[in-house]
Protein backbone atom coordinates (compact mmCIF):
# COMPACT_ATOMS: atom_id res chain seq x y z
CA MET A 1 -30.42 -18.43 -117.73
CA THR A 2 -29.04 -18.98 -114.28
CA ASN A 3 -27.33 -15.47 -114.46
CA LEU A 4 -30.67 -13.70 -115.40
CA ARG A 5 -32.35 -15.44 -112.43
CA ARG A 6 -29.51 -14.30 -110.06
CA ILE A 7 -29.95 -10.73 -111.38
CA PHE A 8 -33.67 -10.81 -110.94
CA ALA A 9 -33.36 -11.99 -107.44
CA LEU A 10 -30.91 -9.21 -106.64
CA LEU A 11 -33.10 -6.46 -108.08
CA LEU A 12 -36.01 -7.91 -106.10
CA ALA A 13 -33.97 -7.80 -102.92
CA LEU A 14 -32.88 -4.22 -103.55
CA ALA A 15 -36.46 -3.19 -104.11
CA LEU A 16 -37.55 -4.60 -100.82
CA VAL A 17 -34.85 -2.90 -98.86
CA PHE A 18 -35.74 0.52 -100.46
CA SER A 19 -39.52 -0.15 -99.48
CA PHE A 20 -38.60 -0.85 -95.87
CA ALA A 21 -36.40 2.27 -95.58
CA ALA A 22 -39.18 4.43 -97.06
CA CYS A 23 -41.72 3.00 -94.51
CA SER A 24 -39.28 3.55 -91.70
CA LYS A 25 -38.97 7.24 -92.74
CA VAL A 26 -42.67 7.63 -92.81
CA ASP A 27 -43.00 6.00 -89.30
CA GLU A 28 -40.15 8.29 -88.04
CA LYS A 29 -41.95 11.29 -89.32
CA LYS A 30 -45.15 10.23 -87.55
CA VAL A 31 -43.33 9.98 -84.26
CA GLU A 32 -41.70 13.24 -84.69
CA GLU A 33 -44.80 15.14 -85.75
CA PRO A 34 -47.75 13.91 -83.55
CA LYS A 35 -51.24 15.14 -84.11
CA GLN A 36 -52.29 18.44 -82.33
CA GLU A 37 -54.80 16.48 -80.13
CA GLU A 38 -51.85 14.39 -78.91
CA LYS A 39 -49.80 17.30 -78.14
CA VAL A 40 -52.55 19.02 -76.07
CA GLU A 41 -53.10 15.66 -74.17
CA LYS A 42 -49.43 15.34 -73.33
CA GLN A 43 -49.15 18.91 -72.17
CA ASP A 44 -52.19 18.51 -70.02
CA GLU A 45 -50.66 15.32 -68.44
CA LYS A 46 -47.43 17.18 -67.83
CA ALA A 47 -49.27 20.05 -65.99
CA GLU A 48 -51.25 17.60 -63.81
CA GLU A 49 -47.97 15.88 -62.85
CA LYS A 50 -46.55 19.33 -61.87
CA LYS A 51 -49.62 20.07 -59.84
CA ASP A 52 -49.45 16.77 -57.95
CA GLU A 53 -45.66 17.42 -57.30
CA LYS A 54 -46.47 20.79 -55.81
CA ALA A 55 -49.30 19.40 -53.77
CA GLU A 56 -46.87 16.74 -52.39
CA GLU A 57 -44.30 19.42 -51.62
CA LYS A 58 -47.01 21.46 -49.89
CA THR A 59 -48.20 18.51 -47.76
CA GLU A 60 -44.65 17.61 -46.79
CA ALA A 61 -44.10 21.16 -45.79
CA LYS A 62 -47.14 21.16 -43.64
CA ASP A 63 -46.16 17.89 -42.02
CA ASP A 64 -42.66 19.26 -41.31
CA TYR A 65 -44.23 21.86 -38.90
CA TYR A 66 -44.55 19.21 -36.22
CA PRO A 67 -43.43 18.27 -33.63
CA VAL A 68 -43.77 21.45 -31.47
CA THR A 69 -43.19 22.02 -27.83
CA VAL A 70 -45.09 24.51 -25.59
CA GLU A 71 -45.12 25.60 -22.04
CA THR A 72 -48.11 25.21 -19.82
CA TYR A 73 -48.87 24.64 -16.11
CA SER A 74 -50.63 22.59 -13.51
CA ALA A 75 -53.35 24.14 -11.51
CA ASP A 76 -50.77 24.65 -8.74
CA GLY A 77 -48.56 26.67 -11.03
CA GLU A 78 -45.93 23.91 -11.69
CA LYS A 79 -44.33 24.64 -15.23
CA ILE A 80 -44.79 21.83 -17.67
CA GLU A 81 -43.52 21.29 -21.12
CA LEU A 82 -45.79 19.44 -23.64
CA THR A 83 -44.76 18.21 -27.12
CA PHE A 84 -47.47 18.08 -29.85
CA ASP A 85 -46.73 15.49 -32.79
CA LYS A 86 -49.82 16.79 -34.58
CA ALA A 87 -52.67 19.32 -34.05
CA PRO A 88 -55.27 17.94 -31.59
CA GLU A 89 -58.38 16.90 -33.29
CA LYS A 90 -60.77 16.36 -30.25
CA VAL A 91 -60.74 19.33 -27.83
CA LEU A 92 -62.91 20.00 -24.82
CA CYS A 93 -63.13 23.72 -24.08
CA VAL A 94 -64.61 24.81 -20.65
CA TYR A 95 -65.20 28.60 -19.76
CA GLN A 96 -65.55 31.58 -21.92
CA SER A 97 -61.94 32.50 -22.88
CA ALA A 98 -61.20 28.85 -23.51
CA ILE A 99 -64.05 28.60 -25.87
CA GLU A 100 -63.69 31.96 -27.69
CA ASN A 101 -60.07 31.79 -28.29
CA MET A 102 -60.49 28.66 -30.27
CA LEU A 103 -63.25 29.95 -32.24
CA ALA A 104 -61.57 33.22 -33.02
CA LEU A 105 -58.66 31.18 -34.53
CA GLY A 106 -61.02 29.34 -36.72
CA LEU A 107 -60.61 26.06 -34.81
CA GLY A 108 -64.17 25.17 -34.05
CA ASP A 109 -63.82 22.10 -36.16
CA ARG A 110 -61.24 20.61 -33.78
CA VAL A 111 -63.58 20.96 -30.81
CA ILE A 112 -65.92 18.08 -29.72
CA ALA A 113 -67.59 19.92 -26.82
CA ASN A 114 -67.97 23.29 -25.26
CA ALA A 115 -69.11 24.11 -21.59
CA MET A 116 -69.86 27.00 -19.09
CA LEU A 117 -70.31 30.24 -21.06
CA ASP A 118 -70.99 33.32 -19.10
CA VAL A 119 -72.48 35.13 -22.16
CA PRO A 120 -73.41 33.83 -25.71
CA VAL A 121 -70.52 33.72 -28.22
CA LYS A 122 -70.40 36.62 -30.65
CA ASP A 123 -72.35 36.38 -33.89
CA GLU A 124 -69.23 35.82 -36.03
CA TRP A 125 -68.45 32.71 -34.25
CA LYS A 126 -71.94 31.18 -33.85
CA ASP A 127 -71.67 28.95 -36.94
CA GLN A 128 -68.63 27.20 -35.50
CA PHE A 129 -70.11 27.13 -32.01
CA ASP A 130 -73.52 25.66 -32.93
CA LYS A 131 -72.02 22.58 -34.66
CA VAL A 132 -70.48 21.37 -31.31
CA GLN A 133 -72.12 19.91 -28.21
CA TYR A 134 -72.55 22.38 -25.41
CA PHE A 135 -72.95 21.74 -21.66
CA GLU A 136 -74.42 24.36 -19.37
CA LYS A 137 -72.35 22.74 -16.46
CA ALA A 138 -68.76 21.70 -16.63
CA PRO A 139 -68.66 17.88 -17.40
CA SER A 140 -67.47 15.62 -14.61
CA LYS A 141 -64.26 13.54 -14.96
CA GLU A 142 -66.23 10.50 -15.86
CA ALA A 143 -68.01 12.34 -18.62
CA VAL A 144 -64.87 13.75 -20.00
CA LEU A 145 -63.28 10.27 -19.99
CA ASP A 146 -66.39 8.96 -22.02
CA MET A 147 -65.66 11.85 -24.65
CA ALA A 148 -62.12 10.56 -25.05
CA PRO A 149 -60.58 14.14 -26.01
CA ASP A 150 -57.04 14.54 -26.97
CA MET A 151 -56.77 17.90 -25.42
CA ILE A 152 -58.61 19.96 -22.69
CA ILE A 153 -58.49 23.83 -22.39
CA SER A 154 -59.95 25.55 -19.42
CA TRP A 155 -59.21 27.51 -16.27
CA SER A 156 -57.14 26.42 -13.35
CA SER A 157 -60.16 25.76 -11.04
CA TYR A 158 -61.26 22.97 -13.54
CA PHE A 159 -58.14 21.09 -12.62
CA ARG A 160 -58.83 20.50 -9.02
CA ASP A 161 -59.69 17.52 -6.90
CA LYS A 162 -63.56 18.13 -6.94
CA THR A 163 -63.50 18.58 -10.74
CA LEU A 164 -61.03 16.92 -13.21
CA GLY A 165 -58.08 16.43 -10.92
CA ASP A 166 -54.50 17.11 -11.60
CA VAL A 167 -53.39 17.64 -15.18
CA LYS A 168 -50.90 14.82 -14.83
CA PHE A 169 -53.92 12.41 -14.75
CA TRP A 170 -54.55 13.51 -18.17
CA HIS A 171 -51.10 13.40 -19.52
CA ASP A 172 -50.68 9.92 -18.22
CA ARG A 173 -53.63 8.98 -20.66
CA GLY A 174 -52.17 10.88 -23.53
CA VAL A 175 -54.56 13.94 -23.20
CA LYS A 176 -52.96 17.25 -23.48
CA THR A 177 -53.93 20.11 -21.30
CA TYR A 178 -53.70 23.89 -21.49
CA ILE A 179 -54.79 26.34 -18.48
CA ASN A 180 -55.52 29.99 -19.31
CA LEU A 181 -52.78 31.97 -17.43
CA ASN A 182 -54.94 34.60 -15.94
CA SER A 183 -57.35 32.08 -14.54
CA GLY A 184 -55.16 31.70 -11.43
CA ILE A 185 -51.80 30.65 -12.65
CA MET A 186 -49.91 33.98 -12.89
CA LYS A 187 -49.88 36.59 -10.32
CA PRO A 188 -50.44 39.45 -10.94
CA ASP A 189 -52.77 39.22 -13.87
CA LYS A 190 -51.49 40.92 -17.02
CA LEU A 191 -52.67 41.77 -20.51
CA GLU A 192 -49.48 40.04 -21.74
CA TYR A 193 -50.73 36.72 -20.43
CA GLU A 194 -53.80 36.92 -22.49
CA TYR A 195 -51.61 37.53 -25.54
CA GLN A 196 -49.54 34.53 -24.61
CA ASP A 197 -52.58 32.18 -24.22
CA ILE A 198 -53.59 33.16 -27.88
CA ARG A 199 -50.00 32.92 -29.12
CA THR A 200 -49.55 29.45 -27.46
CA LEU A 201 -52.81 27.99 -29.18
CA GLY A 202 -51.56 29.47 -32.50
CA LYS A 203 -48.33 27.55 -32.05
CA ILE A 204 -50.12 24.18 -31.11
CA PHE A 205 -52.57 24.20 -34.02
CA ASN A 206 -50.23 25.89 -36.62
CA LYS A 207 -52.41 29.03 -36.54
CA ASN A 208 -49.43 31.45 -35.84
CA GLU A 209 -50.42 34.12 -38.28
CA GLU A 210 -54.06 34.23 -37.06
CA ALA A 211 -52.94 34.51 -33.58
CA GLU A 212 -50.56 37.39 -34.23
CA ALA A 213 -53.30 39.21 -36.07
CA LEU A 214 -55.61 38.97 -32.97
CA ILE A 215 -52.84 40.11 -30.72
CA SER A 216 -51.88 43.07 -33.02
CA GLU A 217 -55.35 44.30 -33.02
CA MET A 218 -55.48 44.55 -29.37
CA GLU A 219 -51.92 46.18 -29.13
CA LYS A 220 -53.09 48.83 -31.74
CA LYS A 221 -56.15 49.58 -29.43
CA ILE A 222 -53.70 50.14 -26.38
CA ALA A 223 -51.39 52.33 -28.42
CA GLU A 224 -54.47 54.59 -29.32
CA GLY A 225 -55.22 54.95 -25.68
CA GLN A 226 -51.64 55.80 -24.95
CA LYS A 227 -51.72 58.50 -27.66
CA LEU A 228 -54.88 60.02 -26.35
CA SER A 229 -53.44 60.35 -22.91
CA GLU A 230 -50.31 62.15 -24.19
CA SER A 231 -51.86 65.61 -24.46
CA ARG A 232 -53.75 65.59 -21.05
CA GLU A 233 -53.38 65.22 -17.33
CA PRO A 234 -53.81 61.49 -16.38
CA VAL A 235 -57.58 60.58 -15.97
CA THR A 236 -58.35 59.32 -12.35
CA ALA A 237 -60.39 56.12 -12.59
CA VAL A 238 -61.59 53.11 -10.71
CA ILE A 239 -62.86 49.82 -11.89
CA LEU A 240 -65.19 48.27 -9.23
CA GLU A 241 -67.59 45.55 -8.58
CA ILE A 242 -70.61 46.25 -6.29
CA GLU A 243 -70.54 43.62 -3.52
CA GLY A 244 -73.25 45.02 -1.21
CA ASP A 245 -74.61 48.05 0.53
CA ASN A 246 -71.77 50.56 -0.15
CA GLN A 247 -69.18 47.95 -0.24
CA PHE A 248 -67.05 47.40 -3.38
CA ARG A 249 -64.31 45.14 -4.90
CA ASN A 250 -61.57 46.93 -6.66
CA TYR A 251 -59.86 45.82 -9.85
CA GLY A 252 -56.36 47.36 -9.43
CA GLU A 253 -53.18 47.35 -11.53
CA ASP A 254 -52.83 43.75 -10.63
CA SER A 255 -56.01 42.84 -12.73
CA ILE A 256 -56.33 42.73 -16.41
CA GLY A 257 -58.90 45.77 -16.27
CA GLY A 258 -56.62 47.76 -14.09
CA ASN A 259 -53.57 46.80 -16.25
CA ILE A 260 -55.43 48.01 -19.50
CA ALA A 261 -56.43 51.36 -17.87
CA SER A 262 -52.86 51.94 -16.53
CA LEU A 263 -51.27 51.00 -19.98
CA ALA A 264 -53.92 53.43 -21.56
CA GLY A 265 -52.55 56.41 -19.41
CA ALA A 266 -55.14 56.37 -16.58
CA LYS A 267 -54.41 56.82 -12.82
CA LEU A 268 -56.15 54.31 -10.77
CA VAL A 269 -57.32 55.75 -7.36
CA PHE A 270 -56.77 52.22 -5.78
CA ASP A 271 -53.60 50.49 -6.92
CA LYS A 272 -54.16 46.95 -5.80
CA ASN A 273 -57.04 44.45 -5.92
CA GLY A 274 -59.12 44.42 -2.80
CA LYS A 275 -62.16 45.81 -0.99
CA PHE A 276 -63.23 49.43 -0.15
CA GLY A 277 -66.07 51.22 1.24
CA LEU A 278 -68.25 54.23 0.42
CA GLU A 279 -66.15 56.81 2.37
CA GLU A 280 -62.82 55.84 0.53
CA LEU A 281 -64.64 56.18 -2.97
CA ILE A 282 -65.92 59.62 -1.86
CA GLU A 283 -62.43 60.78 -0.62
CA HIS A 284 -60.61 59.53 -3.82
CA ASN A 285 -63.34 61.16 -6.05
CA PRO A 286 -62.46 59.48 -9.38
CA GLU A 287 -63.36 61.12 -12.73
CA VAL A 288 -64.39 57.76 -14.31
CA ILE A 289 -65.86 54.89 -12.84
CA PHE A 290 -66.25 51.31 -14.58
CA THR A 291 -68.78 49.05 -12.95
CA VAL A 292 -68.18 45.24 -13.48
CA TYR A 293 -71.34 43.14 -14.15
CA PHE A 294 -71.73 39.48 -14.77
CA GLY A 295 -72.74 38.32 -18.30
CA ASP A 296 -76.51 38.92 -18.28
CA GLU A 297 -77.16 42.14 -20.30
CA LYS A 298 -80.05 42.85 -17.91
CA LEU A 299 -77.53 43.60 -15.15
CA ARG A 300 -75.39 45.96 -17.39
CA ASP A 301 -77.43 49.26 -16.96
CA GLY A 302 -78.55 48.02 -13.34
CA GLU A 303 -75.03 48.23 -12.02
CA LYS A 304 -74.46 51.63 -13.49
CA GLU A 305 -77.80 53.03 -12.08
CA LYS A 306 -76.81 51.79 -8.65
CA ILE A 307 -73.81 54.15 -8.78
CA LEU A 308 -75.61 57.13 -10.48
CA ASN A 309 -78.77 56.96 -8.24
CA ASN A 310 -76.86 56.43 -4.91
CA PRO A 311 -77.78 59.60 -2.93
CA GLN A 312 -74.42 59.46 -1.08
CA LEU A 313 -72.35 59.54 -4.34
CA GLN A 314 -73.71 62.63 -5.86
CA SER A 315 -70.72 64.72 -5.10
CA LEU A 316 -68.38 62.43 -7.20
CA ASP A 317 -67.08 63.94 -10.40
CA ALA A 318 -67.84 60.81 -12.30
CA VAL A 319 -71.35 60.86 -11.16
CA LYS A 320 -72.00 64.63 -11.85
CA ASN A 321 -70.50 64.30 -15.32
CA GLY A 322 -72.26 61.05 -16.13
CA ARG A 323 -68.99 59.10 -16.64
CA VAL A 324 -69.98 55.78 -15.21
CA TYR A 325 -69.52 52.95 -17.57
CA PRO A 326 -70.52 49.25 -17.34
CA ILE A 327 -67.93 46.66 -18.25
CA MET A 328 -68.39 42.88 -18.54
CA LEU A 329 -66.53 40.47 -16.20
CA SER A 330 -65.53 38.52 -19.22
CA GLU A 331 -63.71 41.53 -20.60
CA VAL A 332 -61.56 42.04 -17.55
CA TYR A 333 -61.03 38.55 -16.01
CA SER A 334 -59.25 35.73 -18.06
CA SER A 335 -60.68 37.54 -21.03
CA GLY A 336 -59.04 35.92 -23.98
CA VAL A 337 -60.13 37.55 -27.25
CA ARG A 338 -62.97 39.47 -25.41
CA THR A 339 -59.91 41.61 -24.05
CA ALA A 340 -60.30 43.65 -27.32
CA ASP A 341 -63.83 44.65 -26.11
CA GLY A 342 -62.55 45.48 -22.68
CA ILE A 343 -59.83 47.74 -24.28
CA ASP A 344 -62.33 49.57 -26.18
CA THR A 345 -64.67 50.05 -23.31
CA ILE A 346 -61.92 51.25 -21.03
CA VAL A 347 -60.34 53.55 -23.67
CA ASN A 348 -63.65 55.09 -24.62
CA GLY A 349 -64.62 55.65 -21.03
CA LEU A 350 -61.39 57.48 -20.30
CA TYR A 351 -61.14 59.65 -23.32
CA ASN A 352 -64.54 59.79 -25.19
CA GLU A 353 -66.62 61.62 -22.86
CA ARG A 354 -69.90 60.33 -23.82
């Protein structure tokens, strides 16, 4: 009887072992073959993880761009190197080219205030411009301190004793500065310095590709002018500003306008910046005259008519052939991205006899 009990107990134990083994195989099968919904969920989770990893890599790559060091100047022409640990976020822009260079690079959201436009910004930039506070007059030092900018972009005249003072005052307070080169820093003025302003801003704000695209467009326009000049004698031209009765200011090769005309193949009748009178203009008899006007479109045709209707200038080839063209000051002085318009005006005036 005892033996029978032992045999029965052994059989029962064996049955339990086989039962557990079978269950284990079923469980293993379940693990190895999850439901289709679980597979999809896991695939989605992995895809999201990869996206997150790529986003992190992209952010790290962007952060790796800084710090960057650029070259700028004081109002007296002293060369200064500034290092940017990140892109400025609260920029004050004063004067036309300082404002429009930022807008053209798509950096309006980095600007806290603009001031002192000669003419309204172009339609393509108005959305950016209208979102920012604008001052008709350049803000005082006290007003700028209250704004607490981290960067100021302007012309050299704005960093004088009667305005903001020396740039070092701002650097000591952690405020970076940039002065447009053709606003009194570099002599003579050159088209290349307008390119350099745009290129430097591109470097500061990690907008290098956008900056190069703007510069490339201007270079193409100059190249077109040079090509048009190849098959003809140089066109004689003058870029002038009417200062009074038969008195004129010349924009020579040492101005942006004159530099553009020379690069485009024209021969300027007066080489250097300066003043000249009626008799000198008649003596040199330019084929083309560009008359500089200030901002207001109402003055545009008025400056042109002053030349065309002057009885003492009727012998000039430019007057007889109606080749007198108004050109905006903002297109030929510290002109920034408006330089492209200046190039168009000058090249068209020289070669498209309209």
